[in-house]
C-alpha atoms as a PDB file:
ATOM      1  CA  MET A   1       0.000   0.000   0.000  1.00  0.00           C
ATOM      2  CA  ALA A   2       2.933   2.354   0.598  1.00  0.00           C
ATOM      3  CA  GLU A   3       3.658   2.122  -3.119  1.00  0.00           C
ATOM      4  CA  LEU A   4       0.316   3.794  -3.921  1.00  0.00           C
ATOM      5  CA  GLN A   5       1.023   6.602  -1.456  1.00  0.00           C
ATOM      6  CA  ASP A   6       4.399   7.324  -3.054  1.00  0.00           C
ATOM      7  CA  ARG A   7       3.232   7.405  -6.679  1.00  0.00           C
ATOM      8  CA  TRP A   8       3.500  10.382  -9.020  1.00  0.00           C
ATOM      9  CA  LEU A   9       0.371  12.549  -9.110  1.00  0.00           C
ATOM     10  CA  SER A  10      -1.146  14.220 -12.169  1.00  0.00           C
ATOM     11  CA  VAL A  11      -2.089  17.898 -12.421  1.00  0.00           C
ATOM     12  CA  ASP A  12      -5.729  17.029 -11.713  1.00  0.00           C
ATOM     13  CA  GLU A  13      -4.792  14.999  -8.650  1.00  0.00           C
ATOM     14  CA  ILE A  14      -2.509  17.699  -7.215  1.00  0.00           C
ATOM     15  CA  CYS A  15      -5.227  20.302  -7.851  1.00  0.00           C
ATOM     16  CA  GLN A  16      -7.702  18.192  -5.919  1.00  0.00           C
ATOM     17  CA  HIS A  17      -5.179  17.625  -3.125  1.00  0.00           C
ATOM     18  CA  LEU A  18      -4.457  21.356  -2.777  1.00  0.00           C
ATOM     19  CA  GLY A  19      -7.955  22.601  -3.556  1.00  0.00           C
ATOM     20  CA  VAL A  20      -6.823  24.933  -6.351  1.00  0.00           C
ATOM     21  CA  SER A  21      -7.459  25.187 -10.088  1.00  0.00           C
ATOM     22  CA  SER A  22      -5.188  23.831 -12.785  1.00  0.00           C
ATOM     23  CA  ASP A  23      -4.549  27.434 -13.896  1.00  0.00           C
ATOM     24  CA  THR A  24      -3.084  28.126 -10.454  1.00  0.00           C
ATOM     25  CA  VAL A  25      -0.864  25.041 -10.569  1.00  0.00           C
ATOM     26  CA  TYR A  26       0.439  25.878 -14.056  1.00  0.00           C
ATOM     27  CA  ARG A  27       1.104  29.468 -12.931  1.00  0.00           C
ATOM     28  CA  TRP A  28       3.045  28.199  -9.900  1.00  0.00           C
ATOM     29  CA  ILE A  29       5.080  25.891 -12.148  1.00  0.00           C
ATOM     30  CA  ASP A  30       5.708  28.631 -14.708  1.00  0.00           C
ATOM     31  CA  ARG A  31       6.617  31.342 -12.250  1.00  0.00           C
ATOM     32  CA  SER A  32       8.926  29.436 -10.047  1.00  0.00           C
ATOM     33  CA  GLU A  33       9.572  26.927  -7.472  1.00  0.00           C
ATOM     34  CA  MET A  34       6.650  24.535  -7.346  1.00  0.00           C
ATOM     35  CA  PRO A  35       8.248  21.095  -7.336  1.00  0.00           C
ATOM     36  CA  ALA A  36       7.049  19.552 -10.581  1.00  0.00           C
ATOM     37  CA  HIS A  37       8.633  17.164 -13.024  1.00  0.00           C
ATOM     38  CA  LYS A  38       7.883  17.004 -16.730  1.00  0.00           C
ATOM     39  CA  MET A  39       7.435  13.476 -18.029  1.00  0.00           C
ATOM     40  CA  GLY A  40       6.927  13.662 -21.757  1.00  0.00           C
ATOM     41  CA  ARG A  41       4.215  16.280 -22.209  1.00  0.00           C
ATOM     42  CA  LYS A  42       2.730  15.836 -18.733  1.00  0.00           C
ATOM     43  CA  TRP A  43       3.603  17.372 -15.402  1.00  0.00           C
ATOM     44  CA  LYS A  44       3.869  15.019 -12.430  1.00  0.00           C
ATOM     45  CA  PHE A  45       4.199  15.700  -8.716  1.00  0.00           C
ATOM     46  CA  LYS A  46       5.280  13.967  -5.542  1.00  0.00           C
ATOM     47  CA  ARG A  47       2.750  14.764  -2.823  1.00  0.00           C
ATOM     48  CA  GLU A  48       5.443  15.014  -0.131  1.00  0.00           C
ATOM     49  CA  GLN A  49       7.495  17.537  -2.152  1.00  0.00           C
ATOM     50  CA  VAL A  50       4.472  19.713  -2.892  1.00  0.00           C
ATOM     51  CA  ASP A  51       3.294  19.584   0.732  1.00  0.00           C
ATOM     52  CA  ALA A  52       6.761  20.636   1.939  1.00  0.00           C
ATOM     53  CA  TRP A  53       6.799  23.506  -0.607  1.00  0.00           C
ATOM     54  CA  VAL A  54       3.393  24.729   0.573  1.00  0.00           C
ATOM     55  CA  GLU A  55       4.367  24.434   4.255  1.00  0.00           C
ATOM     56  CA  ALA A  56       7.558  26.421   3.561  1.00  0.00           C
ATOM     57  CA  GLY A  57       5.429  29.254   2.167  1.00  0.00           C
ATOM     58  CA  GLY A  58       6.043  28.628  -1.525  1.00  0.00           C
ATOM     59  CA  ALA A  59       2.425  29.062  -2.559  1.00  0.00           C
ATOM     60  CA  ALA A  60       1.973  32.179  -0.424  1.00  0.00           C
ATOM     61  CA  ALA A  61       5.168  33.732  -1.806  1.00  0.00           C
ATOM     62  CA  ASN A  62       3.929  33.191  -5.358  1.00  0.00           C
ATOM     63  CA  GLU A  63       0.578  34.816  -4.572  1.00  0.00           C
ATOM     64  CA  ALA A  64       2.311  37.814  -2.955  1.00  0.00           C
ATOM     65  CA  ARG A  65       4.542  38.273  -6.016  1.00  0.00           C
ATOM     66  CA  GLU A  66       1.487  38.189  -8.275  1.00  0.00           C
ATOM     67  CA  ARG A  67      -0.269  40.861  -6.200  1.00  0.00           C
ATOM     68  CA  ASP A  68       2.859  43.044  -6.313  1.00  0.00           C
ATOM     69  CA  THR A  69       3.112  42.623 -10.090  1.00  0.00           C
ATOM     70  CA  ASP A  70      -0.576  43.441 -10.561  1.00  0.00           C
ATOM     71  CA  THR A  71      -0.255  46.578  -8.404  1.00  0.00           C
ATOM     72  CA  GLU A  72       2.863  47.765 -10.270  1.00  0.00           C
ATOM     73  CA  GLY A  73       1.058  47.340 -13.580  1.00  0.00           C
ATOM     74  CA  ARG A  74      -1.815  49.543 -12.431  1.00  0.00           C
ATOM     75  CA  ASP A  75       0.462  52.322 -11.170  1.00  0.00           C
ATOM     76  CA  GLY A  76       2.084  52.830 -14.564  1.00  0.00           C
END
């Protein structure tokens, strides 16, 4: 059973696990540090790596950067 817990997750599965949209996941991958691995044309994730990234503030840091970028764009 441990083998099933340690398997690679798809974008849909990681979205469900985190409770976010696929657009958010792709933005996190594109903009930075979300631990993701490209296998052919598909992105795959290890649940433990993503959980550690979230707990370390990775998702929050990405959201803060996006807000800062949006605000800078409106000032100009």
